[in-house]
Amino acid sequence: MPRRMTQTKAGTHQALKNTSFESMVVSWLMQDGWQVFLPILDHGHQTDILISDGPSFYRIQVKTVEAKGDDHVVHNQWSDSNVDVVIFFARNSNWGVIAPAFSENRRSLAHPEHRKFMQDRKEFLREFHLLEESKVSELAC
């Protein structure tokens, strides 16, 4: 069995962990039937993942946070972009939050518009679909 015999630098290790969360979301969305596109470089556009159902496209930003609970406050880092959804993963636990991109400077992860999930494909997709339904209902009003 292969074994990694070299030391990974702290910054590199964190980048690997962050990218692994993006890869997990990509896998889950592909299994749900979405077309998934990965920008070569997301600086300036704040888009980690671009998804499409054919006629529509949605921009997703994936963030990791060191959160003790879902009352953790996150800062808006995408205000000048066209991001539709932000997915937060708690690095130190096994849960995450799906949030529509918001305009406030900061917001609690426990905000009523956010959808909390355990790091499991079925649970993630259930909450992702519920977020979609609430957005569709909001647009219909």
N, C-alpha and C. Protein backbone atom coordinates (compact mmCIF):
# COMPACT_ATOMS: atom_id res chain seq x y z
N MET A 1 0.85 -1.18 0.00
CA MET A 1 0.00 0.00 0.00
C MET A 1 0.89 1.24 0.00
N PRO A 2 0.61 2.23 -0.85
CA PRO A 2 1.43 3.44 -0.88
C PRO A 2 1.31 4.23 0.43
N ARG A 3 2.40 4.83 0.83
CA ARG A 3 2.42 5.70 2.02
C ARG A 3 3.12 7.00 1.66
N ARG A 4 2.55 8.10 2.07
CA ARG A 4 3.18 9.40 1.86
C ARG A 4 4.31 9.53 2.85
N MET A 5 5.51 9.76 2.36
CA MET A 5 6.69 9.80 3.22
C MET A 5 7.25 11.22 3.42
N THR A 6 6.62 12.22 2.80
CA THR A 6 7.11 13.59 2.92
C THR A 6 6.18 14.42 3.79
N GLN A 7 6.71 15.46 4.38
CA GLN A 7 5.94 16.37 5.21
C GLN A 7 5.24 17.40 4.31
N THR A 8 3.97 17.66 4.56
CA THR A 8 3.22 18.67 3.82
C THR A 8 3.25 19.97 4.63
N LYS A 9 3.59 21.08 3.97
CA LYS A 9 3.62 22.38 4.65
C LYS A 9 2.21 22.75 5.10
N ALA A 10 2.12 23.50 6.20
CA ALA A 10 0.83 23.85 6.79
C ALA A 10 -0.09 24.55 5.79
N GLY A 11 0.40 25.54 5.06
CA GLY A 11 -0.42 26.26 4.08
C GLY A 11 -0.90 25.36 2.96
N THR A 12 -0.02 24.48 2.52
CA THR A 12 -0.38 23.53 1.47
C THR A 12 -1.43 22.56 1.98
N HIS A 13 -1.26 22.09 3.20
CA HIS A 13 -2.21 21.15 3.78
C HIS A 13 -3.60 21.77 3.89
N GLN A 14 -3.66 23.06 4.29
CA GLN A 14 -4.95 23.74 4.39
C GLN A 14 -5.59 23.89 3.02
N ALA A 15 -4.80 24.22 2.00
CA ALA A 15 -5.32 24.34 0.64
C ALA A 15 -5.87 23.00 0.14
N LEU A 16 -5.18 21.91 0.46
CA LEU A 16 -5.65 20.58 0.08
C LEU A 16 -6.99 20.26 0.75
N LYS A 17 -7.11 20.58 2.03
CA LYS A 17 -8.36 20.33 2.75
C LYS A 17 -9.50 21.16 2.15
N ASN A 18 -9.24 22.45 1.88
CA ASN A 18 -10.28 23.32 1.32
C ASN A 18 -10.74 22.80 -0.04
N THR A 19 -9.79 22.39 -0.87
CA THR A 19 -10.12 21.87 -2.20
C THR A 19 -10.90 20.56 -2.09
N SER A 20 -10.62 19.78 -1.06
CA SER A 20 -11.35 18.51 -0.90
C SER A 20 -12.84 18.77 -0.64
N PHE A 21 -13.18 19.86 0.06
CA PHE A 21 -14.59 20.19 0.28
C PHE A 21 -15.25 20.57 -1.04
N GLU A 22 -14.55 21.33 -1.88
CA GLU A 22 -15.08 21.68 -3.20
C GLU A 22 -15.32 20.41 -4.02
N SER A 23 -14.37 19.50 -3.98
CA SER A 23 -14.50 18.25 -4.74
C SER A 23 -15.69 17.42 -4.26
N MET A 24 -15.94 17.44 -2.96
CA MET A 24 -17.07 16.70 -2.41
C MET A 24 -18.39 17.28 -2.95
N VAL A 25 -18.50 18.62 -2.97
CA VAL A 25 -19.71 19.26 -3.49
C VAL A 25 -19.87 18.94 -4.97
N VAL A 26 -18.78 18.99 -5.74
CA VAL A 26 -18.83 18.67 -7.16
C VAL A 26 -19.38 17.25 -7.35
N SER A 27 -18.87 16.31 -6.60
CA SER A 27 -19.31 14.92 -6.70
C SER A 27 -20.79 14.78 -6.38
N TRP A 28 -21.22 15.39 -5.29
CA TRP A 28 -22.62 15.29 -4.89
C TRP A 28 -23.55 15.89 -5.95
N LEU A 29 -23.17 17.05 -6.51
CA LEU A 29 -24.02 17.70 -7.51
C LEU A 29 -24.05 16.90 -8.81
N MET A 30 -22.92 16.33 -9.20
CA MET A 30 -22.89 15.50 -10.41
C MET A 30 -23.78 14.28 -10.23
N GLN A 31 -23.74 13.67 -9.05
CA GLN A 31 -24.59 12.51 -8.78
C GLN A 31 -26.07 12.87 -8.81
N ASP A 32 -26.36 14.15 -8.62
CA ASP A 32 -27.74 14.64 -8.66
C ASP A 32 -28.16 15.03 -10.07
N GLY A 33 -27.24 14.94 -11.04
CA GLY A 33 -27.59 15.23 -12.42
C GLY A 33 -27.23 16.61 -12.93
N TRP A 34 -26.60 17.43 -12.11
CA TRP A 34 -26.18 18.77 -12.55
C TRP A 34 -24.98 18.67 -13.48
N GLN A 35 -24.90 19.57 -14.46
CA GLN A 35 -23.67 19.77 -15.21
C GLN A 35 -22.79 20.64 -14.32
N VAL A 36 -21.55 20.25 -14.13
CA VAL A 36 -20.67 20.97 -13.21
C VAL A 36 -19.44 21.46 -13.97
N PHE A 37 -19.12 22.73 -13.78
CA PHE A 37 -17.97 23.35 -14.42
C PHE A 37 -17.07 23.95 -13.34
N LEU A 38 -15.76 23.80 -13.53
CA LEU A 38 -14.80 24.34 -12.57
C LEU A 38 -13.98 25.43 -13.24
N PRO A 39 -14.08 26.66 -12.76
CA PRO A 39 -13.26 27.73 -13.34
C PRO A 39 -11.78 27.42 -13.16
N ILE A 40 -10.98 27.76 -14.15
CA ILE A 40 -9.55 27.57 -14.03
C ILE A 40 -9.01 28.48 -12.94
N LEU A 41 -9.55 29.68 -12.82
CA LEU A 41 -9.14 30.65 -11.81
C LEU A 41 -10.38 31.39 -11.34
N ASP A 42 -10.63 31.43 -10.04
CA ASP A 42 -11.85 32.08 -9.56
C ASP A 42 -11.60 33.45 -8.93
N HIS A 43 -10.40 33.95 -8.94
CA HIS A 43 -10.12 35.26 -8.34
C HIS A 43 -10.87 36.35 -9.10
N GLY A 44 -11.54 37.21 -8.34
CA GLY A 44 -12.30 38.30 -8.93
C GLY A 44 -13.76 37.95 -9.17
N HIS A 45 -14.06 36.70 -9.47
CA HIS A 45 -15.44 36.30 -9.70
C HIS A 45 -16.03 35.54 -8.52
N GLN A 46 -15.18 35.10 -7.61
CA GLN A 46 -15.64 34.40 -6.40
C GLN A 46 -16.50 33.19 -6.74
N THR A 47 -16.16 32.46 -7.79
CA THR A 47 -16.93 31.29 -8.18
C THR A 47 -16.02 30.07 -8.15
N ASP A 48 -16.30 29.16 -7.21
CA ASP A 48 -15.55 27.91 -7.13
C ASP A 48 -16.14 26.87 -8.07
N ILE A 49 -17.47 26.87 -8.17
CA ILE A 49 -18.19 25.87 -8.95
C ILE A 49 -19.30 26.57 -9.72
N LEU A 50 -19.45 26.21 -10.99
CA LEU A 50 -20.55 26.70 -11.81
C LEU A 50 -21.38 25.49 -12.18
N ILE A 51 -22.69 25.55 -11.92
CA ILE A 51 -23.55 24.41 -12.24
C ILE A 51 -24.65 24.84 -13.20
N SER A 52 -25.16 23.86 -13.94
CA SER A 52 -26.23 24.14 -14.89
C SER A 52 -27.17 22.96 -14.98
N ASP A 53 -28.45 23.28 -15.18
CA ASP A 53 -29.45 22.24 -15.47
C ASP A 53 -29.78 22.25 -16.95
N GLY A 54 -29.01 22.98 -17.73
CA GLY A 54 -29.24 23.14 -19.18
C GLY A 54 -29.51 24.60 -19.48
N PRO A 55 -30.73 25.09 -19.21
CA PRO A 55 -31.02 26.49 -19.52
C PRO A 55 -30.51 27.49 -18.48
N SER A 56 -30.30 27.07 -17.25
CA SER A 56 -29.91 28.00 -16.18
C SER A 56 -28.54 27.65 -15.62
N PHE A 57 -27.81 28.68 -15.19
CA PHE A 57 -26.50 28.52 -14.58
C PHE A 57 -26.52 29.17 -13.20
N TYR A 58 -25.77 28.57 -12.26
CA TYR A 58 -25.68 29.09 -10.90
C TYR A 58 -24.24 29.06 -10.44
N ARG A 59 -23.82 30.15 -9.79
CA ARG A 59 -22.45 30.24 -9.27
C ARG A 59 -22.44 29.86 -7.79
N ILE A 60 -21.47 29.03 -7.44
CA ILE A 60 -21.36 28.56 -6.06
C ILE A 60 -19.97 28.89 -5.53
N GLN A 61 -19.93 29.41 -4.32
CA GLN A 61 -18.68 29.66 -3.60
C GLN A 61 -18.65 28.68 -2.42
N VAL A 62 -17.53 28.01 -2.20
CA VAL A 62 -17.38 27.08 -1.09
C VAL A 62 -16.39 27.67 -0.10
N LYS A 63 -16.79 27.75 1.15
CA LYS A 63 -15.95 28.31 2.21
C LYS A 63 -15.83 27.30 3.35
N THR A 64 -14.70 27.33 4.02
CA THR A 64 -14.56 26.55 5.25
C THR A 64 -14.39 27.51 6.41
N VAL A 65 -14.94 27.13 7.54
CA VAL A 65 -14.87 27.96 8.75
C VAL A 65 -14.51 27.08 9.94
N GLU A 66 -13.89 27.68 10.90
CA GLU A 66 -13.58 27.02 12.18
C GLU A 66 -14.71 27.42 13.12
N ALA A 67 -15.81 26.67 13.11
CA ALA A 67 -17.02 27.05 13.83
C ALA A 67 -17.29 26.09 14.98
N LYS A 68 -17.63 26.66 16.14
CA LYS A 68 -17.99 25.84 17.30
C LYS A 68 -19.46 25.45 17.24
N GLY A 69 -20.24 26.24 16.52
CA GLY A 69 -21.67 25.97 16.39
C GLY A 69 -22.24 26.74 15.22
N ASP A 70 -23.53 26.51 14.95
CA ASP A 70 -24.11 27.18 13.79
C ASP A 70 -24.46 28.64 14.07
N ASP A 71 -24.16 29.14 15.28
CA ASP A 71 -24.34 30.56 15.56
C ASP A 71 -23.09 31.36 15.16
N HIS A 72 -22.12 30.70 14.56
CA HIS A 72 -20.89 31.33 14.08
C HIS A 72 -21.25 32.41 13.05
N VAL A 73 -20.59 33.56 13.14
CA VAL A 73 -20.84 34.66 12.20
C VAL A 73 -19.82 34.60 11.07
N VAL A 74 -20.32 34.68 9.83
CA VAL A 74 -19.45 34.68 8.65
C VAL A 74 -19.50 36.06 8.00
N HIS A 75 -18.41 36.39 7.33
CA HIS A 75 -18.29 37.70 6.66
C HIS A 75 -18.51 37.53 5.17
N ASN A 76 -19.21 38.49 4.59
CA ASN A 76 -19.51 38.49 3.17
C ASN A 76 -18.23 38.83 2.39
N GLN A 77 -17.75 37.89 1.58
CA GLN A 77 -16.56 38.09 0.77
C GLN A 77 -16.89 38.07 -0.72
N TRP A 78 -18.16 38.15 -1.08
CA TRP A 78 -18.59 38.02 -2.47
C TRP A 78 -19.56 39.12 -2.88
N SER A 79 -19.58 40.25 -2.15
CA SER A 79 -20.57 41.29 -2.40
C SER A 79 -20.50 41.88 -3.80
N ASP A 80 -19.34 41.93 -4.39
CA ASP A 80 -19.20 42.50 -5.73
C ASP A 80 -19.16 41.44 -6.83
N SER A 81 -19.75 40.30 -6.57
CA SER A 81 -19.74 39.21 -7.56
C SER A 81 -21.17 38.77 -7.84
N ASN A 82 -21.32 37.80 -8.68
CA ASN A 82 -22.65 37.28 -9.03
C ASN A 82 -22.90 35.91 -8.43
N VAL A 83 -22.30 35.62 -7.29
CA VAL A 83 -22.48 34.33 -6.63
C VAL A 83 -23.94 34.17 -6.23
N ASP A 84 -24.47 32.96 -6.46
CA ASP A 84 -25.85 32.65 -6.09
C ASP A 84 -25.96 31.93 -4.75
N VAL A 85 -25.01 31.03 -4.50
CA VAL A 85 -25.06 30.18 -3.31
C VAL A 85 -23.68 30.10 -2.68
N VAL A 86 -23.64 30.13 -1.35
CA VAL A 86 -22.39 29.92 -0.62
C VAL A 86 -22.58 28.69 0.26
N ILE A 87 -21.63 27.77 0.17
CA ILE A 87 -21.69 26.56 0.98
C ILE A 87 -20.55 26.63 1.98
N PHE A 88 -20.89 26.63 3.26
CA PHE A 88 -19.91 26.68 4.34
C PHE A 88 -19.73 25.29 4.92
N PHE A 89 -18.49 24.89 5.13
CA PHE A 89 -18.19 23.64 5.82
C PHE A 89 -17.46 23.96 7.11
N ALA A 90 -17.87 23.32 8.21
CA ALA A 90 -17.15 23.46 9.47
C ALA A 90 -15.94 22.53 9.40
N ARG A 91 -14.74 23.11 9.36
CA ARG A 91 -13.51 22.32 9.26
C ARG A 91 -13.33 21.39 10.44
N ASN A 92 -13.80 21.81 11.60
CA ASN A 92 -13.56 21.08 12.84
C ASN A 92 -14.73 20.19 13.24
N SER A 93 -15.64 19.94 12.30
CA SER A 93 -16.79 19.10 12.61
C SER A 93 -17.25 18.40 11.33
N ASN A 94 -18.47 17.85 11.35
CA ASN A 94 -18.97 17.12 10.18
C ASN A 94 -20.27 17.69 9.65
N TRP A 95 -20.44 19.01 9.72
CA TRP A 95 -21.64 19.65 9.23
C TRP A 95 -21.28 20.84 8.34
N GLY A 96 -22.29 21.32 7.65
CA GLY A 96 -22.12 22.49 6.79
C GLY A 96 -23.43 23.24 6.69
N VAL A 97 -23.38 24.38 5.98
CA VAL A 97 -24.55 25.22 5.81
C VAL A 97 -24.58 25.69 4.35
N ILE A 98 -25.76 25.61 3.74
CA ILE A 98 -25.97 26.13 2.39
C ILE A 98 -26.74 27.43 2.54
N ALA A 99 -26.22 28.50 1.94
CA ALA A 99 -26.84 29.81 2.10
C ALA A 99 -27.00 30.49 0.75
N PRO A 100 -28.12 31.15 0.52
CA PRO A 100 -28.18 32.01 -0.66
C PRO A 100 -27.19 33.15 -0.41
N ALA A 101 -26.53 33.62 -1.45
CA ALA A 101 -25.60 34.74 -1.27
C ALA A 101 -26.37 35.91 -0.65
N PHE A 102 -25.80 36.53 0.35
CA PHE A 102 -26.49 37.62 1.04
C PHE A 102 -25.71 38.92 0.88
N SER A 103 -26.39 40.03 1.08
CA SER A 103 -25.76 41.34 0.84
C SER A 103 -25.21 41.98 2.12
N GLU A 104 -25.63 41.51 3.30
CA GLU A 104 -25.11 42.07 4.53
C GLU A 104 -23.60 41.82 4.64
N ASN A 105 -22.92 42.64 5.44
CA ASN A 105 -21.48 42.46 5.64
C ASN A 105 -21.17 41.18 6.39
N ARG A 106 -22.05 40.78 7.30
CA ARG A 106 -21.86 39.55 8.06
C ARG A 106 -23.21 39.00 8.48
N ARG A 107 -23.21 37.70 8.74
CA ARG A 107 -24.46 37.03 9.07
C ARG A 107 -24.14 35.74 9.83
N SER A 108 -25.03 35.36 10.73
CA SER A 108 -24.88 34.12 11.48
C SER A 108 -25.19 32.93 10.57
N LEU A 109 -24.45 31.85 10.76
CA LEU A 109 -24.77 30.63 10.00
C LEU A 109 -26.15 30.10 10.36
N ALA A 110 -26.67 30.49 11.52
CA ALA A 110 -27.99 30.03 11.96
C ALA A 110 -29.14 30.86 11.37
N HIS A 111 -28.85 31.73 10.42
CA HIS A 111 -29.88 32.57 9.80
C HIS A 111 -31.00 31.69 9.24
N PRO A 112 -32.27 32.13 9.33
CA PRO A 112 -33.40 31.30 8.88
C PRO A 112 -33.37 30.91 7.40
N GLU A 113 -32.71 31.68 6.54
CA GLU A 113 -32.64 31.34 5.11
C GLU A 113 -31.62 30.24 4.83
N HIS A 114 -30.76 29.94 5.81
CA HIS A 114 -29.69 28.96 5.59
C HIS A 114 -30.17 27.54 5.86
N ARG A 115 -29.56 26.59 5.18
CA ARG A 115 -29.93 25.18 5.30
C ARG A 115 -28.73 24.41 5.86
N LYS A 116 -28.87 23.90 7.07
CA LYS A 116 -27.79 23.12 7.70
C LYS A 116 -27.87 21.66 7.25
N PHE A 117 -26.72 21.02 7.05
CA PHE A 117 -26.67 19.62 6.65
C PHE A 117 -25.48 18.94 7.31
N MET A 118 -25.60 17.64 7.47
CA MET A 118 -24.46 16.83 7.89
C MET A 118 -23.70 16.47 6.63
N GLN A 119 -22.40 16.22 6.74
CA GLN A 119 -21.59 15.96 5.55
C GLN A 119 -21.90 14.58 4.98
N ASP A 120 -23.03 14.53 4.31
CA ASP A 120 -23.55 13.31 3.71
C ASP A 120 -24.26 13.72 2.42
N ARG A 121 -24.05 12.98 1.35
CA ARG A 121 -24.61 13.35 0.05
C ARG A 121 -26.12 13.51 0.10
N LYS A 122 -26.83 12.53 0.65
CA LYS A 122 -28.29 12.60 0.67
C LYS A 122 -28.79 13.81 1.45
N GLU A 123 -28.19 14.05 2.60
CA GLU A 123 -28.63 15.18 3.41
C GLU A 123 -28.29 16.51 2.74
N PHE A 124 -27.10 16.59 2.14
CA PHE A 124 -26.71 17.81 1.42
C PHE A 124 -27.71 18.08 0.30
N LEU A 125 -28.00 17.08 -0.52
CA LEU A 125 -28.89 17.29 -1.66
C LEU A 125 -30.31 17.63 -1.21
N ARG A 126 -30.79 17.02 -0.14
CA ARG A 126 -32.11 17.36 0.38
C ARG A 126 -32.18 18.84 0.74
N GLU A 127 -31.17 19.32 1.46
CA GLU A 127 -31.15 20.73 1.87
C GLU A 127 -30.92 21.67 0.68
N PHE A 128 -30.11 21.23 -0.28
CA PHE A 128 -29.87 22.02 -1.48
C PHE A 128 -31.18 22.19 -2.25
N HIS A 129 -31.97 21.12 -2.38
CA HIS A 129 -33.25 21.20 -3.07
C HIS A 129 -34.23 22.09 -2.31
N LEU A 130 -34.21 22.03 -0.99
CA LEU A 130 -35.10 22.90 -0.20
C LEU A 130 -34.72 24.36 -0.37
N LEU A 131 -33.43 24.64 -0.50
CA LEU A 131 -32.98 26.01 -0.76
C LEU A 131 -33.50 26.46 -2.12
N GLU A 132 -33.41 25.59 -3.12
CA GLU A 132 -33.92 25.90 -4.46
C GLU A 132 -35.41 26.21 -4.40
N GLU A 133 -36.18 25.38 -3.70
CA GLU A 133 -37.63 25.57 -3.61
C GLU A 133 -37.98 26.89 -2.96
N SER A 134 -37.24 27.27 -1.91
CA SER A 134 -37.55 28.55 -1.25
C SER A 134 -37.19 29.72 -2.15
N LYS A 135 -36.13 29.60 -2.96
CA LYS A 135 -35.76 30.66 -3.89
C LYS A 135 -36.81 30.79 -4.99
N VAL A 136 -37.31 29.65 -5.50
CA VAL A 136 -38.34 29.67 -6.55
C VAL A 136 -39.61 30.31 -6.01
N SER A 137 -39.98 29.96 -4.77
CA SER A 137 -41.17 30.54 -4.16
C SER A 137 -40.99 32.04 -3.99
N GLU A 138 -39.80 32.45 -3.62
CA GLU A 138 -39.51 33.88 -3.42
C GLU A 138 -39.63 34.64 -4.74
N LEU A 139 -39.15 34.06 -5.83
CA LEU A 139 -39.22 34.71 -7.14
C LEU A 139 -40.64 34.78 -7.67
N ALA A 140 -41.49 33.82 -7.28
CA ALA A 140 -42.86 33.79 -7.76
C ALA A 140 -43.73 34.86 -7.10
N CYS A 141 -43.32 35.34 -5.94
CA CYS A 141 -44.14 36.34 -5.22
C CYS A 141 -44.06 37.71 -5.85
